[in-house]
């Protein structure tokens, strides 16, 4: 399943890997044609890669080698940031959950 930059939602990586690859390619003053030859694909596929928020790990590895850049680090950094953010539901959530459990187990009489 192909995703693009507009698909950002809960559960998806907040890393726009295609844009990061595109920026690195330009930083190195390389062309799309050069990259397409190095990874053995059509130029149109490279432009498609630039629009992705996710990418096959084998392809990302190949691009990392060609551009001599560890693109996996962006995902690792994102995971570390997410791990440091503990989200606690509000107390009202737990009160409602206790009420629901009590109701289905017969603890509440109508």
Protein backbone atom coordinates (compact mmCIF):
# COMPACT_ATOMS: atom_id res chain seq x y z
CA UNK A 1 0.00 0.00 0.00
CA UNK A 2 1.46 3.32 -1.06
CA UNK A 3 1.06 6.27 1.30
CA UNK A 4 1.89 9.88 0.67
CA UNK A 5 2.47 12.95 2.80
CA UNK A 6 -1.25 13.55 3.31
CA UNK A 7 -1.75 10.14 4.94
CA UNK A 8 -0.27 11.19 8.30
CA UNK A 9 -2.42 9.79 11.04
CA UNK A 10 -2.16 7.90 14.31
CA UNK A 11 -0.08 4.77 13.94
CA UNK A 12 1.90 5.95 10.96
CA UNK A 13 5.43 7.17 11.13
CA UNK A 14 5.69 10.97 11.36
CA UNK A 15 8.81 10.71 9.18
CA UNK A 16 8.42 11.99 5.62
CA UNK A 17 11.17 9.74 4.33
CA UNK A 18 10.71 10.65 0.68
CA UNK A 19 11.26 14.34 1.40
CA UNK A 20 14.32 13.50 3.50
CA UNK A 21 15.77 11.45 0.62
CA UNK A 22 15.02 14.23 -1.85
CA UNK A 23 16.67 16.84 0.40
CA UNK A 24 19.78 14.67 0.81
CA UNK A 25 20.02 14.07 -2.93
CA UNK A 26 19.92 17.85 -3.53
CA UNK A 27 22.35 18.49 -0.69
CA UNK A 28 24.82 16.19 -2.44
CA UNK A 29 24.13 18.00 -5.73
CA UNK A 30 23.08 14.74 -7.38
CA UNK A 31 20.36 14.38 -9.98
CA UNK A 32 17.26 12.23 -10.08
CA UNK A 33 18.72 10.51 -13.15
CA UNK A 34 21.91 9.69 -11.24
CA UNK A 35 19.92 8.13 -8.37
CA UNK A 36 17.64 6.20 -10.73
CA UNK A 37 20.67 4.65 -12.42
CA UNK A 38 22.27 3.77 -9.09
CA UNK A 39 19.18 2.02 -7.74
CA UNK A 40 18.23 0.56 -11.16
CA UNK A 41 14.82 2.11 -11.64
CA UNK A 42 13.05 4.63 -13.84
CA UNK A 43 13.32 8.36 -13.02
CA UNK A 44 9.54 8.45 -12.47
CA UNK A 45 9.95 5.93 -9.66
CA UNK A 46 12.44 8.22 -7.94
CA UNK A 47 9.92 11.07 -8.03
CA UNK A 48 7.37 8.63 -6.60
CA UNK A 49 9.80 7.80 -3.77
CA UNK A 50 10.03 11.51 -2.94
CA UNK A 51 6.29 11.58 -2.18
CA UNK A 52 6.34 8.65 0.25
CA UNK A 53 5.98 8.57 4.02
CA UNK A 54 6.90 4.89 4.07
CA UNK A 55 9.25 2.80 2.00
CA UNK A 56 10.34 -0.82 1.65
CA UNK A 57 13.33 -1.47 3.93
CA UNK A 58 15.32 -3.12 1.13
CA UNK A 59 14.88 -0.07 -1.07
CA UNK A 60 15.70 2.27 1.80
CA UNK A 61 18.86 0.27 2.50
CA UNK A 62 19.90 0.50 -1.16
CA UNK A 63 19.29 4.27 -1.21
CA UNK A 64 21.19 4.63 2.09
CA UNK A 65 24.20 2.87 0.56
CA UNK A 66 24.11 4.87 -2.68
CA UNK A 67 23.79 8.23 -0.89
CA UNK A 68 26.04 7.15 2.00
CA UNK A 69 23.39 8.29 4.48
CA UNK A 70 21.67 6.32 7.25
CA UNK A 71 18.01 7.09 6.50
CA UNK A 72 16.93 4.53 9.13
CA UNK A 73 18.11 6.90 11.86
CA UNK A 74 15.13 9.17 11.20
CA UNK A 75 12.76 6.34 12.12
CA UNK A 76 14.84 5.46 15.19
CA UNK A 77 14.75 9.06 16.36
CA UNK A 78 10.99 9.13 15.85
CA UNK A 79 10.57 5.94 17.89
CA UNK A 80 12.68 7.34 20.72
CA UNK A 81 10.62 10.52 20.78
CA UNK A 82 7.38 8.53 20.83
CA UNK A 83 8.64 6.28 23.64
CA UNK A 84 9.32 9.33 25.79
CA UNK A 85 5.75 10.59 25.46
CA UNK A 86 3.51 8.60 27.78
CA UNK A 87 -0.15 9.34 27.15
CA UNK A 88 -2.45 8.81 30.11
CA UNK A 89 -6.20 8.81 29.54
CA UNK A 90 -8.23 11.18 31.73
CA UNK A 91 -9.78 9.84 34.98
CA UNK A 92 -13.25 10.11 33.42
CA UNK A 93 -12.20 7.38 30.97
CA UNK A 94 -11.38 5.01 33.84
CA UNK A 95 -14.60 5.91 35.71
CA UNK A 96 -16.65 5.12 32.62
CA UNK A 97 -14.73 1.90 32.09
CA UNK A 98 -15.33 0.81 35.73
CA UNK A 99 -19.04 1.58 35.32
CA UNK A 100 -19.20 -0.44 32.10
CA UNK A 101 -17.40 -3.44 33.60
CA UNK A 102 -19.60 -3.34 36.66
CA UNK A 103 -22.72 -3.18 34.48
CA UNK A 104 -21.79 -6.17 32.33
CA UNK A 105 -20.73 -8.26 35.32
CA UNK A 106 -23.97 -7.62 37.16
CA UNK A 107 -22.64 -5.15 39.69
CA UNK A 108 -25.16 -2.49 38.75
CA UNK A 109 -28.88 -3.16 39.22
CA UNK A 110 -31.47 -1.23 37.28
